[in-house]
PDB file of all heavy atoms in Angstrom:
ATOM      1  N   TYR A   1     204.536  59.273-142.333  1.00  0.00           N
ATOM      2  CA  TYR A   1     205.857  59.716-141.837  1.00  0.00           C
ATOM      3  C   TYR A   1     205.851  61.093-141.207  1.00  0.00           C
ATOM      4  O   TYR A   1     206.744  61.445-140.439  1.00  0.00           O
ATOM      5  CB  TYR A   1     206.875  59.702-142.965  1.00  0.00           C
ATOM      6  CG  TYR A   1     207.072  58.333-143.588  1.00  0.00           C
ATOM      7  CD1 TYR A   1     206.521  58.054-144.834  1.00  0.00           C
ATOM      8  CD2 TYR A   1     207.769  57.359-142.954  1.00  0.00           C
ATOM      9  CE1 TYR A   1     206.705  56.794-145.434  1.00  0.00           C
ATOM     10  CE2 TYR A   1     207.968  56.113-143.519  1.00  0.00           C
ATOM     11  CZ  TYR A   1     207.410  55.819-144.756  1.00  0.00           C
ATOM     12  OH  TYR A   1     207.587  54.608-145.307  1.00  0.00           O
ATOM     13  N   PHE A   2     204.816  61.906-141.526  1.00  0.00           N
ATOM     14  CA  PHE A   2     204.865  63.299-141.087  1.00  0.00           C
ATOM     15  C   PHE A   2     203.688  63.787-140.265  1.00  0.00           C
ATOM     16  O   PHE A   2     203.781  64.823-139.599  1.00  0.00           O
ATOM     17  CB  PHE A   2     205.055  64.208-142.303  1.00  0.00           C
ATOM     18  CG  PHE A   2     206.394  64.091-142.943  1.00  0.00           C
ATOM     19  CD1 PHE A   2     206.571  63.285-144.055  1.00  0.00           C
ATOM     20  CD2 PHE A   2     207.501  64.739-142.388  1.00  0.00           C
ATOM     21  CE1 PHE A   2     207.850  63.116-144.608  1.00  0.00           C
ATOM     22  CE2 PHE A   2     208.773  64.564-142.950  1.00  0.00           C
ATOM     23  CZ  PHE A   2     208.904  63.738-144.057  1.00  0.00           C
ATOM     24  N   ALA A   3     202.572  63.095-140.278  1.00  0.00           N
ATOM     25  CA  ALA A   3     201.390  63.565-139.521  1.00  0.00           C
ATOM     26  C   ALA A   3     201.505  63.232-138.063  1.00  0.00           C
ATOM     27  O   ALA A   3     202.093  62.190-137.674  1.00  0.00           O
ATOM     28  CB  ALA A   3     200.142  62.963-140.132  1.00  0.00           C
ATOM     29  N   LEU A   4     200.915  64.058-137.241  1.00  0.00           N
ATOM     30  CA  LEU A   4     201.002  63.884-135.787  1.00  0.00           C
ATOM     31  C   LEU A   4     200.040  62.807-135.257  1.00  0.00           C
ATOM     32  O   LEU A   4     200.366  62.035-134.379  1.00  0.00           O
ATOM     33  CB  LEU A   4     200.704  65.211-135.114  1.00  0.00           C
ATOM     34  CG  LEU A   4     200.707  65.222-133.584  1.00  0.00           C
ATOM     35  CD1 LEU A   4     202.077  64.835-133.033  1.00  0.00           C
ATOM     36  CD2 LEU A   4     200.282  66.586-133.045  1.00  0.00           C
ATOM     37  N   GLY A   5     198.837  62.761-135.831  1.00  0.00           N
ATOM     38  CA  GLY A   5     197.804  61.952-135.209  1.00  0.00           C
ATOM     39  C   GLY A   5     197.681  60.507-135.754  1.00  0.00           C
ATOM     40  O   GLY A   5     196.726  59.837-135.445  1.00  0.00           O
ATOM     41  N   VAL A   6     198.658  60.041-136.533  1.00  0.00           N
ATOM     42  CA  VAL A   6     198.573  58.690-137.080  1.00  0.00           C
ATOM     43  C   VAL A   6     198.772  57.686-135.963  1.00  0.00           C
ATOM     44  O   VAL A   6     199.741  57.768-135.203  1.00  0.00           O
ATOM     45  CB  VAL A   6     199.638  58.522-138.170  1.00  0.00           C
ATOM     46  CG1 VAL A   6     199.617  57.083-138.664  1.00  0.00           C
ATOM     47  CG2 VAL A   6     199.372  59.454-139.339  1.00  0.00           C
ATOM     48  N   LYS A   7     197.897  56.710-135.874  1.00  0.00           N
ATOM     49  CA  LYS A   7     197.962  55.705-134.844  1.00  0.00           C
ATOM     50  C   LYS A   7     198.063  54.328-135.439  1.00  0.00           C
ATOM     51  O   LYS A   7     197.553  54.068-136.534  1.00  0.00           O
ATOM     52  CB  LYS A   7     196.722  55.814-133.932  1.00  0.00           C
ATOM     53  CG  LYS A   7     196.589  57.091-133.196  1.00  0.00           C
ATOM     54  CD  LYS A   7     195.377  57.132-132.315  1.00  0.00           C
ATOM     55  CE  LYS A   7     195.231  58.441-131.570  1.00  0.00           C
ATOM     56  NZ  LYS A   7     194.009  58.494-130.736  1.00  0.00           N
ATOM     57  N   GLY A   8     198.727  53.446-134.748  1.00  0.00           N
ATOM     58  CA  GLY A   8     198.791  52.043-135.183  1.00  0.00           C
ATOM     59  C   GLY A   8     199.786  51.758-136.283  1.00  0.00           C
ATOM     60  O   GLY A   8     199.799  50.642-136.827  1.00  0.00           O
ATOM     61  N   GLY A   9     200.644  52.737-136.587  1.00  0.00           N
ATOM     62  CA  GLY A   9     201.642  52.504-137.649  1.00  0.00           C
ATOM     63  C   GLY A   9     202.853  51.738-137.118  1.00  0.00           C
ATOM     64  O   GLY A   9     203.014  51.509-135.908  1.00  0.00           O
ATOM     65  N   ALA A  10     203.689  51.352-138.069  1.00  0.00           N
ATOM     66  CA  ALA A  10     204.920  50.575-137.690  1.00  0.00           C
ATOM     67  C   ALA A  10     205.961  51.466-137.041  1.00  0.00           C
ATOM     68  O   ALA A  10     206.834  50.974-136.292  1.00  0.00           O
ATOM     69  CB  ALA A  10     205.492  49.924-138.939  1.00  0.00           C
ATOM     70  N   PHE A  11     205.871  52.789-137.262  1.00  0.00           N
ATOM     71  CA  PHE A  11     206.859  53.717-136.753  1.00  0.00           C
ATOM     72  C   PHE A  11     206.190  54.842-135.946  1.00  0.00           C
ATOM     73  O   PHE A  11     204.984  55.095-136.119  1.00  0.00           O
ATOM     74  CB  PHE A  11     207.657  54.323-137.899  1.00  0.00           C
ATOM     75  CG  PHE A  11     208.212  53.307-138.862  1.00  0.00           C
ATOM     76  CD1 PHE A  11     207.894  53.381-140.230  1.00  0.00           C
ATOM     77  CD2 PHE A  11     209.022  52.267-138.420  1.00  0.00           C
ATOM     78  CE1 PHE A  11     208.362  52.435-141.139  1.00  0.00           C
ATOM     79  CE2 PHE A  11     209.499  51.344-139.321  1.00  0.00           C
ATOM     80  CZ  PHE A  11     209.165  51.434-140.668  1.00  0.00           C
ATOM     81  N   PRO A  12     206.944  55.533-135.105  1.00  0.00           N
ATOM     82  CA  PRO A  12     206.364  56.659-134.393  1.00  0.00           C
ATOM     83  C   PRO A  12     205.825  57.720-135.314  1.00  0.00           C
ATOM     84  O   PRO A  12     206.399  57.970-136.387  1.00  0.00           O
ATOM     85  CB  PRO A  12     207.522  57.202-133.557  1.00  0.00           C
ATOM     86  CG  PRO A  12     208.501  56.062-133.500  1.00  0.00           C
ATOM     87  CD  PRO A  12     208.357  55.309-134.761  1.00  0.00           C
ATOM     88  N   PRO A  13     204.716  58.388-134.981  1.00  0.00           N
ATOM     89  CA  PRO A  13     204.253  59.512-135.789  1.00  0.00           C
ATOM     90  C   PRO A  13     205.339  60.565-135.958  1.00  0.00           C
ATOM     91  O   PRO A  13     206.110  60.821-135.008  1.00  0.00           O
ATOM     92  CB  PRO A  13     203.067  60.059-134.982  1.00  0.00           C
ATOM     93  CG  PRO A  13     202.606  58.888-134.179  1.00  0.00           C
ATOM     94  CD  PRO A  13     203.834  58.124-133.823  1.00  0.00           C
ATOM     95  N   ARG A  14     205.445  61.162-137.125  1.00  0.00           N
ATOM     96  CA  ARG A  14     206.403  62.208-137.426  1.00  0.00           C
ATOM     97  C   ARG A  14     207.833  61.685-137.547  1.00  0.00           C
ATOM     98  O   ARG A  14     208.786  62.480-137.518  1.00  0.00           O
ATOM     99  CB  ARG A  14     206.351  63.346-136.426  1.00  0.00           C
ATOM    100  CG  ARG A  14     204.994  64.036-136.303  1.00  0.00           C
ATOM    101  CD  ARG A  14     204.946  65.166-135.282  1.00  0.00           C
ATOM    102  NE  ARG A  14     205.713  66.332-135.778  1.00  0.00           N
ATOM    103  CZ  ARG A  14     206.861  66.729-135.270  1.00  0.00           C
ATOM    104  NH1 ARG A  14     207.479  66.039-134.347  1.00  0.00           N
ATOM    105  NH2 ARG A  14     207.438  67.800-135.748  1.00  0.00           N
ATOM    106  N   SER A  15     207.986  60.386-137.732  1.00  0.00           N
ATOM    107  CA  SER A  15     209.366  59.828-137.843  1.00  0.00           C
ATOM    108  C   SER A  15     210.094  60.312-139.087  1.00  0.00           C
ATOM    109  O   SER A  15     211.296  60.283-139.151  1.00  0.00           O
ATOM    110  CB  SER A  15     209.328  58.302-137.857  1.00  0.00           C
ATOM    111  OG  SER A  15     208.486  57.827-138.915  1.00  0.00           O
ATOM    112  N   GLY A  16     209.333  60.852-140.056  1.00  0.00           N
ATOM    113  CA  GLY A  16     209.989  61.421-141.244  1.00  0.00           C
ATOM    114  C   GLY A  16     210.830  62.619-140.919  1.00  0.00           C
ATOM    115  O   GLY A  16     211.869  62.863-141.560  1.00  0.00           O
ATOM    116  N   TYR A  17     210.438  63.413-139.931  1.00  0.00           N
ATOM    117  CA  TYR A  17     211.256  64.545-139.471  1.00  0.00           C
ATOM    118  C   TYR A  17     212.589  64.026-138.946  1.00  0.00           C
ATOM    119  O   TYR A  17     213.646  64.626-139.232  1.00  0.00           O
ATOM    120  CB  TYR A  17     210.534  65.346-138.428  1.00  0.00           C
ATOM    121  CG  TYR A  17     209.345  66.140-138.902  1.00  0.00           C
ATOM    122  CD1 TYR A  17     208.078  65.585-138.898  1.00  0.00           C
ATOM    123  CD2 TYR A  17     209.504  67.435-139.373  1.00  0.00           C
ATOM    124  CE1 TYR A  17     206.969  66.288-139.329  1.00  0.00           C
ATOM    125  CE2 TYR A  17     208.397  68.155-139.829  1.00  0.00           C
ATOM    126  CZ  TYR A  17     207.158  67.579-139.801  1.00  0.00           C
ATOM    127  OH  TYR A  17     206.065  68.326-140.241  1.00  0.00           O
ATOM    128  N   TYR A  18     212.552  62.984-138.170  1.00  0.00           N
ATOM    129  CA  TYR A  18     213.782  62.442-137.582  1.00  0.00           C
ATOM    130  C   TYR A  18     214.724  61.909-138.672  1.00  0.00           C
ATOM    131  O   TYR A  18     215.907  62.246-138.698  1.00  0.00           O
ATOM    132  CB  TYR A  18     213.425  61.333-136.602  1.00  0.00           C
ATOM    133  CG  TYR A  18     214.622  60.577-136.116  1.00  0.00           C
ATOM    134  CD1 TYR A  18     215.521  61.108-135.215  1.00  0.00           C
ATOM    135  CD2 TYR A  18     214.874  59.249-136.577  1.00  0.00           C
ATOM    136  CE1 TYR A  18     216.619  60.409-134.763  1.00  0.00           C
ATOM    137  CE2 TYR A  18     215.977  58.552-136.125  1.00  0.00           C
ATOM    138  CZ  TYR A  18     216.847  59.128-135.229  1.00  0.00           C
ATOM    139  OH  TYR A  18     217.978  58.432-134.801  1.00  0.00           O
ATOM    140  N   ILE A  19     214.185  61.093-139.604  1.00  0.00           N
ATOM    141  CA  ILE A  19     215.030  60.538-140.659  1.00  0.00           C
ATOM    142  C   ILE A  19     215.502  61.627-141.582  1.00  0.00           C
ATOM    143  O   ILE A  19     216.672  61.652-142.055  1.00  0.00           O
ATOM    144  CB  ILE A  19     214.250  59.424-141.416  1.00  0.00           C
ATOM    145  CG1 ILE A  19     214.124  58.210-140.515  1.00  0.00           C
ATOM    146  CG2 ILE A  19     214.983  59.075-142.728  1.00  0.00           C
ATOM    147  CD1 ILE A  19     215.421  57.527-140.154  1.00  0.00           C
ATOM    148  N   GLY A  20     214.623  62.570-141.900  1.00  0.00           N
ATOM    149  CA  GLY A  20     215.044  63.675-142.797  1.00  0.00           C
ATOM    150  C   GLY A  20     216.175  64.482-142.198  1.00  0.00           C
ATOM    151  O   GLY A  20     217.090  64.947-142.874  1.00  0.00           O
ATOM    152  N   ALA A  21     216.144  64.710-140.839  1.00  0.00           N
ATOM    153  CA  ALA A  21     217.196  65.432-140.189  1.00  0.00           C
ATOM    154  C   ALA A  21     218.513  64.653-140.222  1.00  0.00           C
ATOM    155  O   ALA A  21     219.592  65.240-140.409  1.00  0.00           O
ATOM    156  CB  ALA A  21     216.794  65.736-138.763  1.00  0.00           C
ATOM    157  N   LEU A  22     218.435  63.307-140.127  1.00  0.00           N
ATOM    158  CA  LEU A  22     219.662  62.505-140.233  1.00  0.00           C
ATOM    159  C   LEU A  22     220.258  62.631-141.639  1.00  0.00           C
ATOM    160  O   LEU A  22     221.471  62.691-141.795  1.00  0.00           O
ATOM    161  CB  LEU A  22     219.325  61.038-139.917  1.00  0.00           C
ATOM    162  CG  LEU A  22     218.999  60.656-138.485  1.00  0.00           C
ATOM    163  CD1 LEU A  22     218.875  59.131-138.360  1.00  0.00           C
ATOM    164  CD2 LEU A  22     220.033  61.185-137.498  1.00  0.00           C
ATOM    165  N   VAL A  23     219.377  62.643-142.654  1.00  0.00           N
ATOM    166  CA  VAL A  23     219.844  62.839-144.010  1.00  0.00           C
ATOM    167  C   VAL A  23     220.552  64.204-144.173  1.00  0.00           C
ATOM    168  O   VAL A  23     221.635  64.302-144.744  1.00  0.00           O
ATOM    169  CB  VAL A  23     218.656  62.719-145.012  1.00  0.00           C
ATOM    170  CG1 VAL A  23     219.097  63.208-146.407  1.00  0.00           C
ATOM    171  CG2 VAL A  23     218.155  61.298-145.047  1.00  0.00           C
ATOM    172  N   ALA A  24     219.927  65.238-143.607  1.00  0.00           N
ATOM    173  CA  ALA A  24     220.546  66.571-143.673  1.00  0.00           C
ATOM    174  C   ALA A  24     221.873  66.595-142.926  1.00  0.00           C
ATOM    175  O   ALA A  24     222.854  67.182-143.393  1.00  0.00           O
ATOM    176  CB  ALA A  24     219.577  67.611-143.110  1.00  0.00           C
ATOM    177  N   ASP A  25     221.924  65.982-141.749  1.00  0.00           N
ATOM    178  CA  ASP A  25     223.185  65.934-141.009  1.00  0.00           C
ATOM    179  C   ASP A  25     224.256  65.255-141.871  1.00  0.00           C
ATOM    180  O   ASP A  25     225.428  65.706-141.893  1.00  0.00           O
ATOM    181  CB  ASP A  25     223.023  65.081-139.746  1.00  0.00           C
ATOM    182  CG  ASP A  25     222.073  65.695-138.719  1.00  0.00           C
ATOM    183  OD1 ASP A  25     221.804  66.902-138.794  1.00  0.00           O
ATOM    184  OD2 ASP A  25     221.653  64.950-137.824  1.00  0.00           O
ATOM    185  N   ASP A  26     223.908  64.170-142.533  1.00  0.00           N
ATOM    186  CA  ASP A  26     224.840  63.424-143.355  1.00  0.00           C
ATOM    187  C   ASP A  26     225.376  64.278-144.503  1.00  0.00           C
ATOM    188  O   ASP A  26     226.590  64.374-144.715  1.00  0.00           O
ATOM    189  CB  ASP A  26     224.151  62.172-143.891  1.00  0.00           C
ATOM    190  CG  ASP A  26     225.026  61.338-144.785  1.00  0.00           C
ATOM    191  OD1 ASP A  26     226.238  61.238-144.537  1.00  0.00           O
ATOM    192  OD2 ASP A  26     224.518  60.738-145.755  1.00  0.00           O
ATOM    193  N   LEU A  27     224.472  64.927-145.221  1.00  0.00           N
ATOM    194  CA  LEU A  27     224.909  65.697-146.410  1.00  0.00           C
ATOM    195  C   LEU A  27     225.603  66.995-145.997  1.00  0.00           C
ATOM    196  O   LEU A  27     226.417  67.536-146.779  1.00  0.00           O
ATOM    197  CB  LEU A  27     223.683  66.018-147.286  1.00  0.00           C
ATOM    198  CG  LEU A  27     222.939  64.766-147.837  1.00  0.00           C
ATOM    199  CD1 LEU A  27     221.777  65.181-148.739  1.00  0.00           C
ATOM    200  CD2 LEU A  27     223.933  63.859-148.615  1.00  0.00           C
ATOM    201  N   ALA A  28     225.351  67.481-144.790  1.00  0.00           N
ATOM    202  CA  ALA A  28     226.004  68.687-144.309  1.00  0.00           C
ATOM    203  C   ALA A  28     227.472  68.463-143.964  1.00  0.00           C
ATOM    204  O   ALA A  28     228.219  69.438-143.751  1.00  0.00           O
ATOM    205  CB  ALA A  28     225.291  69.225-143.082  1.00  0.00           C
ATOM    206  N   ARG A  29     227.913  67.228-143.957  1.00  0.00           N
ATOM    207  CA  ARG A  29     229.347  66.956-143.682  1.00  0.00           C
ATOM    208  C   ARG A  29     230.247  67.536-144.780  1.00  0.00           C
ATOM    209  O   ARG A  29     231.390  67.886-144.500  1.00  0.00           O
ATOM    210  CB  ARG A  29     229.584  65.434-143.583  1.00  0.00           C
ATOM    211  CG  ARG A  29     228.832  64.749-142.482  1.00  0.00           C
ATOM    212  CD  ARG A  29     229.047  63.248-142.491  1.00  0.00           C
ATOM    213  NE  ARG A  29     228.102  62.542-141.689  1.00  0.00           N
ATOM    214  CZ  ARG A  29     228.205  62.356-140.365  1.00  0.00           C
ATOM    215  NH1 ARG A  29     229.217  62.862-139.730  1.00  0.00           N
ATOM    216  NH2 ARG A  29     227.252  61.691-139.718  1.00  0.00           N
ATOM    217  N   THR A  30     229.690  67.644-145.987  1.00  0.00           N
ATOM    218  CA  THR A  30     230.520  68.082-147.115  1.00  0.00           C
ATOM    219  C   THR A  30     229.950  69.316-147.836  1.00  0.00           C
ATOM    220  O   THR A  30     230.484  69.729-148.859  1.00  0.00           O
ATOM    221  CB  THR A  30     230.711  66.961-148.131  1.00  0.00           C
ATOM    222  OG1 THR A  30     229.401  66.515-148.558  1.00  0.00           O
ATOM    223  CG2 THR A  30     231.474  65.793-147.516  1.00  0.00           C
ATOM    224  N   ARG A  31     228.866  69.901-147.284  1.00  0.00           N
ATOM    225  CA  ARG A  31     228.243  71.031-147.952  1.00  0.00           C
ATOM    226  C   ARG A  31     227.780  72.040-146.925  1.00  0.00           C
ATOM    227  O   ARG A  31     227.412  71.688-145.814  1.00  0.00           O
ATOM    228  CB  ARG A  31     227.029  70.583-148.807  1.00  0.00           C
ATOM    229  CG  ARG A  31     227.420  69.668-149.950  1.00  0.00           C
ATOM    230  CD  ARG A  31     226.164  69.016-150.554  1.00  0.00           C
ATOM    231  NE  ARG A  31     226.500  68.118-151.649  1.00  0.00           N
ATOM    232  CZ  ARG A  31     226.910  66.868-151.504  1.00  0.00           C
ATOM    233  NH1 ARG A  31     227.042  66.368-150.298  1.00  0.00           N
ATOM    234  NH2 ARG A  31     227.203  66.137-152.572  1.00  0.00           N
ATOM    235  N   THR A  32     227.783  73.323-147.310  1.00  0.00           N
ATOM    236  CA  THR A  32     227.301  74.362-146.424  1.00  0.00           C
ATOM    237  C   THR A  32     225.781  74.405-146.475  1.00  0.00           C
ATOM    238  O   THR A  32     225.169  73.880-147.396  1.00  0.00           O
ATOM    239  CB  THR A  32     227.855  75.722-146.846  1.00  0.00           C
ATOM    240  OG1 THR A  32     227.264  76.087-148.133  1.00  0.00           O
ATOM    241  CG2 THR A  32     229.364  75.730-146.963  1.00  0.00           C
ATOM    242  N   PRO A  33     225.126  75.054-145.505  1.00  0.00           N
ATOM    243  CA  PRO A  33     223.688  75.181-145.563  1.00  0.00           C
ATOM    244  C   PRO A  33     223.219  75.885-146.855  1.00  0.00           C
ATOM    245  O   PRO A  33     222.149  75.477-147.427  1.00  0.00           O
ATOM    246  CB  PRO A  33     223.372  76.039-144.324  1.00  0.00           C
ATOM    247  CG  PRO A  33     224.420  75.675-143.362  1.00  0.00           C
ATOM    248  CD  PRO A  33     225.669  75.522-144.202  1.00  0.00           C
ATOM    249  N   ASP A  34     223.907  76.903-147.310  1.00  0.00           N
ATOM    250  CA  ASP A  34     223.525  77.553-148.576  1.00  0.00           C
ATOM    251  C   ASP A  34     223.606  76.618-149.738  1.00  0.00           C
ATOM    252  O   ASP A  34     222.744  76.605-150.623  1.00  0.00           O
ATOM    253  CB  ASP A  34     224.439  78.770-148.811  1.00  0.00           C
ATOM    254  CG  ASP A  34     223.974  80.009-148.077  1.00  0.00           C
ATOM    255  OD1 ASP A  34     222.783  80.365-148.174  1.00  0.00           O
ATOM    256  OD2 ASP A  34     224.778  80.612-147.355  1.00  0.00           O
ATOM    257  N   GLN A  35     224.647  75.776-149.778  1.00  0.00           N
ATOM    258  CA  GLN A  35     224.791  74.795-150.876  1.00  0.00           C
ATOM    259  C   GLN A  35     223.665  73.767-150.826  1.00  0.00           C
ATOM    260  O   GLN A  35     223.133  73.383-151.877  1.00  0.00           O
ATOM    261  CB  GLN A  35     226.163  74.138-150.801  1.00  0.00           C
ATOM    262  CG  GLN A  35     227.305  75.061-151.160  1.00  0.00           C
ATOM    263  CD  GLN A  35     228.680  74.446-150.883  1.00  0.00           C
ATOM    264  OE1 GLN A  35     228.832  73.588-149.979  1.00  0.00           O
ATOM    265  NE2 GLN A  35     229.676  74.852-151.629  1.00  0.00           N
ATOM    266  N   LEU A  36     223.344  73.328-149.631  1.00  0.00           N
ATOM    267  CA  LEU A  36     222.274  72.369-149.484  1.00  0.00           C
ATOM    268  C   LEU A  36     220.927  72.941-149.940  1.00  0.00           C
ATOM    269  O   LEU A  36     220.135  72.283-150.606  1.00  0.00           O
ATOM    270  CB  LEU A  36     222.175  71.891-148.032  1.00  0.00           C
ATOM    271  CG  LEU A  36     223.351  71.067-147.519  1.00  0.00           C
ATOM    272  CD1 LEU A  36     223.245  70.831-146.013  1.00  0.00           C
ATOM    273  CD2 LEU A  36     223.421  69.729-148.233  1.00  0.00           C
ATOM    274  N   ALA A  37     220.670  74.182-149.523  1.00  0.00           N
ATOM    275  CA  ALA A  37     219.402  74.824-149.889  1.00  0.00           C
ATOM    276  C   ALA A  37     219.260  75.012-151.400  1.00  0.00           C
ATOM    277  O   ALA A  37     218.143  74.998-151.930  1.00  0.00           O
ATOM    278  CB  ALA A  37     219.289  76.149-149.174  1.00  0.00           C
ATOM    279  N   ALA A  38     220.379  75.199-152.099  1.00  0.00           N
ATOM    280  CA  ALA A  38     220.345  75.473-153.533  1.00  0.00           C
ATOM    281  C   ALA A  38     220.353  74.209-154.393  1.00  0.00           C
ATOM    282  O   ALA A  38     220.300  74.343-155.616  1.00  0.00           O
ATOM    283  CB  ALA A  38     221.551  76.360-153.891  1.00  0.00           C
ATOM    284  N   LEU A  39     220.415  73.034-153.797  1.00  0.00           N
ATOM    285  CA  LEU A  39     220.464  71.813-154.625  1.00  0.00           C
ATOM    286  C   LEU A  39     219.194  71.722-155.492  1.00  0.00           C
ATOM    287  O   LEU A  39     218.073  71.872-154.997  1.00  0.00           O
ATOM    288  CB  LEU A  39     220.505  70.594-153.708  1.00  0.00           C
ATOM    289  CG  LEU A  39     221.800  70.299-152.962  1.00  0.00           C
ATOM    290  CD1 LEU A  39     221.619  69.147-151.983  1.00  0.00           C
ATOM    291  CD2 LEU A  39     222.925  69.955-153.976  1.00  0.00           C
ATOM    292  N   PRO A  40     219.374  71.504-156.773  1.00  0.00           N
ATOM    293  CA  PRO A  40     218.221  71.344-157.645  1.00  0.00           C
ATOM    294  C   PRO A  40     217.532  70.001-157.407  1.00  0.00           C
ATOM    295  O   PRO A  40     218.096  69.106-156.775  1.00  0.00           O
ATOM    296  CB  PRO A  40     218.822  71.397-159.057  1.00  0.00           C
ATOM    297  CG  PRO A  40     220.239  70.984-158.887  1.00  0.00           C
ATOM    298  CD  PRO A  40     220.652  71.457-157.519  1.00  0.00           C
ATOM    299  N   ASP A  41     216.353  69.847-157.924  1.00  0.00           N
ATOM    300  CA  ASP A  41     215.491  68.705-157.616  1.00  0.00           C
ATOM    301  C   ASP A  41     216.197  67.372-157.914  1.00  0.00           C
ATOM    302  O   ASP A  41     216.256  66.513-157.056  1.00  0.00           O
ATOM    303  CB  ASP A  41     214.216  68.828-158.452  1.00  0.00           C
ATOM    304  CG  ASP A  41     213.277  67.641-158.180  1.00  0.00           C
ATOM    305  OD1 ASP A  41     212.521  67.740-157.182  1.00  0.00           O
ATOM    306  OD2 ASP A  41     213.273  66.683-158.965  1.00  0.00           O
ATOM    307  N   ARG A  42     216.715  67.197-159.086  1.00  0.00           N
ATOM    308  CA  ARG A  42     217.268  65.888-159.442  1.00  0.00           C
ATOM    309  C   ARG A  42     218.483  65.537-158.600  1.00  0.00           C
ATOM    310  O   ARG A  42     218.637  64.401-158.158  1.00  0.00           O
ATOM    311  CB  ARG A  42     217.653  65.881-160.937  1.00  0.00           C
ATOM    312  CG  ARG A  42     218.142  64.541-161.470  1.00  0.00           C
ATOM    313  CD  ARG A  42     218.294  64.515-162.970  1.00  0.00           C
ATOM    314  NE  ARG A  42     217.023  64.767-163.661  1.00  0.00           N
ATOM    315  CZ  ARG A  42     216.868  64.768-164.968  1.00  0.00           C
ATOM    316  NH1 ARG A  42     217.937  64.588-165.757  1.00  0.00           N
ATOM    317  NH2 ARG A  42     215.676  64.958-165.503  1.00  0.00           N
ATOM    318  N   GLU A  43     219.357  66.510-158.370  1.00  0.00           N
ATOM    319  CA  GLU A  43     220.547  66.215-157.557  1.00  0.00           C
ATOM    320  C   GLU A  43     220.154  65.927-156.122  1.00  0.00           C
ATOM    321  O   GLU A  43     220.713  65.028-155.487  1.00  0.00           O
ATOM    322  CB  GLU A  43     221.510  67.402-157.605  1.00  0.00           C
ATOM    323  CG  GLU A  43     222.821  67.140-156.876  1.00  0.00           C
ATOM    324  CD  GLU A  43     223.814  68.305-156.968  1.00  0.00           C
ATOM    325  OE1 GLU A  43     223.502  69.279-157.683  1.00  0.00           O
ATOM    326  OE2 GLU A  43     224.875  68.202-156.380  1.00  0.00           O
ATOM    327  N   ALA A  44     219.214  66.685-155.581  1.00  0.00           N
ATOM    328  CA  ALA A  44     218.750  66.451-154.210  1.00  0.00           C
ATOM    329  C   ALA A  44     218.147  65.051-154.076  1.00  0.00           C
ATOM    330  O   ALA A  44     218.392  64.330-153.086  1.00  0.00           O
ATOM    331  CB  ALA A  44     217.747  67.516-153.781  1.00  0.00           C
TER     332      ALA A  44
END
């Protein structure tokens, strides 16, 4: 999901960055960047 040089996979290389950004966009609807950064492991 994150390496640049992966070939032959089902998804584009680095697709984890794209999906991770969508997750952050989603959670940012109700939380500030500081609140998101401070989320503890289990809650995140």
